[in-house]
Amino acid sequence: MSVLDQVRIVFYRCHEKGLEILLIKNELENDPNVWKLPKSELKLKLGMALSEAGYHYIELDDITDASGRIVHTYAIEGDLKDVPSIRGLIKHDMKLIKAKVKETFPELEKGSFFAIKEAFKKVMPNEYAALKELKEILWDRNVISNI
C-alpha cells in the first residue's frame, strides 16, 4: 500500500428493510442528494490491522479515483455504534477504539444508514462499483448459507 493510497470503509448492516449502507454527507457538493462512503488516508495495511483486532471484513476490489490514486475498500458488518464492540472488546478498550475510529474517520458523525437501493442513487459513480460488489458477495454468501 502506497503512502498516497486511500482506504474506504463500507459499514453495512442487515435489517428488516434489507441491506443498509452507511453514507456520509458530501460537504463539497451543493446537491443534498450526493453522499459518499467513509474514506481515510491510512498509511497501514488495514486488512491486517482489522484481523488482528478481531474484526471480520470483506476486502473489495481496489478502485482508481479521478486523480489516479488507488482506493482500497473494505466492508465491515455492524451498526456504527457496534463498531467499537465487535468481537467483545472489553469496556476500557472500547473507549480507545472509539477514539481511534473518530480520529481516523472524523466525518462519521455526519453519516446515516441508507437502504442499498437508495445508497446506489446517492453515491458517486466511482463508489457505485464497491457497493455493487458488496451486494453480490453478501447475496452469494446468503444463498450458500440457506442451502
Protein backbone atom coordinates (compact mmCIF):
# COMPACT_ATOMS: atom_id res chain seq x y z
CA MET A 1 0.00 0.00 0.00
CA SER A 2 1.48 3.34 -1.05
CA VAL A 3 1.62 6.38 1.19
CA LEU A 4 -0.68 8.11 -1.31
CA ASP A 5 -3.31 5.36 -1.28
CA GLN A 6 -6.67 5.91 0.34
CA VAL A 7 -8.82 3.49 2.28
CA ARG A 8 -12.59 3.39 2.03
CA ILE A 9 -14.66 1.56 4.65
CA VAL A 10 -18.17 0.31 3.85
CA PHE A 11 -20.12 -0.16 7.08
CA TYR A 12 -23.17 -2.31 6.35
CA ARG A 13 -25.98 -3.91 8.30
CA CYS A 14 -28.89 -6.20 7.51
CA HIS A 15 -32.20 -5.01 8.96
CA GLU A 16 -35.90 -5.51 8.28
CA LYS A 17 -35.57 -3.27 5.22
CA GLY A 18 -32.73 -5.40 3.90
CA LEU A 19 -29.12 -4.40 3.32
CA GLU A 20 -28.26 -0.88 4.54
CA ILE A 21 -25.04 1.07 3.90
CA LEU A 22 -23.57 3.92 5.99
CA LEU A 23 -23.07 7.03 3.85
CA ILE A 24 -21.51 10.37 4.80
CA LYS A 25 -22.88 13.75 3.72
CA ASN A 26 -20.61 15.10 0.98
CA GLU A 27 -19.77 18.63 2.16
CA LEU A 28 -18.11 19.52 -1.15
CA GLU A 29 -21.27 19.07 -3.22
CA ASN A 30 -24.15 21.55 -3.23
CA ASP A 31 -26.61 18.78 -4.12
CA PRO A 32 -28.27 17.45 -0.92
CA ASN A 33 -28.71 14.04 -2.58
CA VAL A 34 -24.97 13.45 -3.03
CA TRP A 35 -23.43 11.32 -0.27
CA LYS A 36 -20.22 9.30 -0.07
CA LEU A 37 -18.60 6.32 1.62
CA PRO A 38 -16.29 6.99 4.62
CA LYS A 39 -12.70 7.48 3.44
CA SER A 40 -9.34 7.90 5.14
CA GLU A 41 -5.69 8.50 4.26
CA LEU A 42 -4.44 5.49 6.25
CA LYS A 43 -0.79 4.57 5.86
CA LEU A 44 -1.03 0.96 7.03
CA LYS A 45 -2.28 -2.42 5.90
CA LEU A 46 -5.83 -2.02 7.16
CA GLY A 47 -6.78 -5.62 6.43
CA MET A 48 -4.07 -6.93 8.74
CA ALA A 49 -4.97 -4.40 11.42
CA LEU A 50 -8.66 -5.37 11.24
CA SER A 51 -7.79 -9.08 11.51
CA GLU A 52 -5.53 -8.52 14.50
CA ALA A 53 -8.29 -6.53 16.23
CA GLY A 54 -10.74 -9.41 15.68
CA TYR A 55 -12.91 -7.77 13.02
CA HIS A 56 -14.37 -9.83 10.21
CA TYR A 57 -14.18 -7.88 6.98
CA ILE A 58 -14.62 -8.29 3.25
CA GLU A 59 -11.86 -6.91 1.04
CA LEU A 60 -13.44 -5.44 -2.10
CA ASP A 61 -11.75 -4.64 -5.41
CA ASP A 62 -9.44 -1.62 -5.47
CA ILE A 63 -10.68 1.46 -7.32
CA THR A 64 -8.58 4.10 -9.06
CA ASP A 65 -10.03 7.56 -8.46
CA ALA A 66 -10.07 10.50 -10.88
CA SER A 67 -6.64 11.70 -9.70
CA GLY A 68 -5.08 8.27 -10.29
CA ARG A 69 -4.75 7.25 -6.62
CA ILE A 70 -5.63 3.71 -5.64
CA VAL A 71 -8.52 3.41 -3.19
CA HIS A 72 -8.58 0.18 -1.15
CA THR A 73 -12.09 -0.77 0.01
CA TYR A 74 -13.07 -2.92 3.00
CA ALA A 75 -16.58 -3.82 4.17
CA ILE A 76 -17.39 -4.34 7.86
CA GLU A 77 -20.77 -5.53 9.14
CA GLY A 78 -22.38 -3.74 12.06
CA ASP A 79 -24.08 -0.59 13.25
CA LEU A 80 -21.78 2.36 13.72
CA LYS A 81 -22.36 2.15 17.48
CA ASP A 82 -21.34 -1.53 17.32
CA VAL A 83 -18.01 -0.96 15.57
CA PRO A 84 -16.00 -0.48 18.77
CA SER A 85 -17.59 -3.51 20.46
CA ILE A 86 -17.21 -6.01 17.64
CA ARG A 87 -15.87 -9.31 18.97
CA GLY A 88 -16.42 -8.47 22.62
CA LEU A 89 -13.78 -5.83 23.25
CA ILE A 90 -13.64 -5.04 26.96
CA LYS A 91 -15.07 -1.76 28.24
CA HIS A 92 -11.91 0.33 28.59
CA ASP A 93 -10.68 -0.87 25.18
CA MET A 94 -13.95 0.34 23.63
CA LYS A 95 -13.12 3.92 24.56
CA LEU A 96 -9.73 3.57 22.93
CA ILE A 97 -11.22 2.04 19.77
CA LYS A 98 -14.00 4.68 19.58
CA ALA A 99 -11.39 7.43 19.88
CA LYS A 100 -9.28 5.78 17.17
CA VAL A 101 -12.30 5.42 14.83
CA LYS A 102 -13.28 9.07 15.41
CA GLU A 103 -9.68 10.17 14.85
CA THR A 104 -9.34 8.13 11.66
CA PHE A 105 -12.83 8.87 10.28
CA PRO A 106 -13.92 12.21 11.84
CA GLU A 107 -16.70 12.56 9.30
CA LEU A 108 -18.64 9.53 10.63
CA GLU A 109 -20.71 11.74 12.94
CA LYS A 110 -22.34 13.24 9.83
CA GLY A 111 -23.29 9.80 8.48
CA SER A 112 -26.53 7.90 8.15
CA PHE A 113 -27.55 4.40 7.04
CA PHE A 114 -29.47 4.02 3.77
CA ALA A 115 -31.14 1.02 2.14
CA ILE A 116 -28.88 -0.40 -0.57
CA LYS A 117 -31.17 0.76 -3.42
CA GLU A 118 -31.17 4.30 -2.07
CA ALA A 119 -27.40 4.18 -1.45
CA PHE A 120 -26.84 3.26 -5.11
CA LYS A 121 -28.60 6.51 -6.10
CA LYS A 122 -26.71 8.70 -3.64
CA VAL A 123 -23.05 7.71 -4.06
CA MET A 124 -20.55 8.96 -6.60
CA PRO A 125 -20.07 6.79 -9.72
CA ASN A 126 -16.65 5.51 -8.62
CA GLU A 127 -18.16 4.28 -5.31
CA TYR A 128 -21.07 2.51 -7.01
CA ALA A 129 -18.86 -0.41 -8.08
CA ALA A 130 -17.79 -1.12 -4.48
CA LEU A 131 -21.41 -1.20 -3.27
CA LYS A 132 -22.44 -3.45 -6.16
CA GLU A 133 -19.59 -5.87 -5.41
CA LEU A 134 -20.51 -5.97 -1.70
CA LYS A 135 -24.15 -6.66 -2.54
CA GLU A 136 -23.16 -9.55 -4.82
CA ILE A 137 -20.80 -11.04 -2.21
CA LEU A 138 -23.45 -10.85 0.52
CA TRP A 139 -26.10 -12.26 -1.82
CA ASP A 140 -23.86 -15.24 -2.72
CA ARG A 141 -22.94 -15.79 0.93
CA ASN A 142 -26.62 -15.73 1.95
CA VAL A 143 -27.70 -18.08 -0.85
CA ILE A 144 -24.98 -20.60 0.09
CA SER A 145 -25.82 -20.48 3.81
CA ASN A 146 -29.51 -21.13 3.06
CA ILE A 147 -28.85 -24.34 1.10
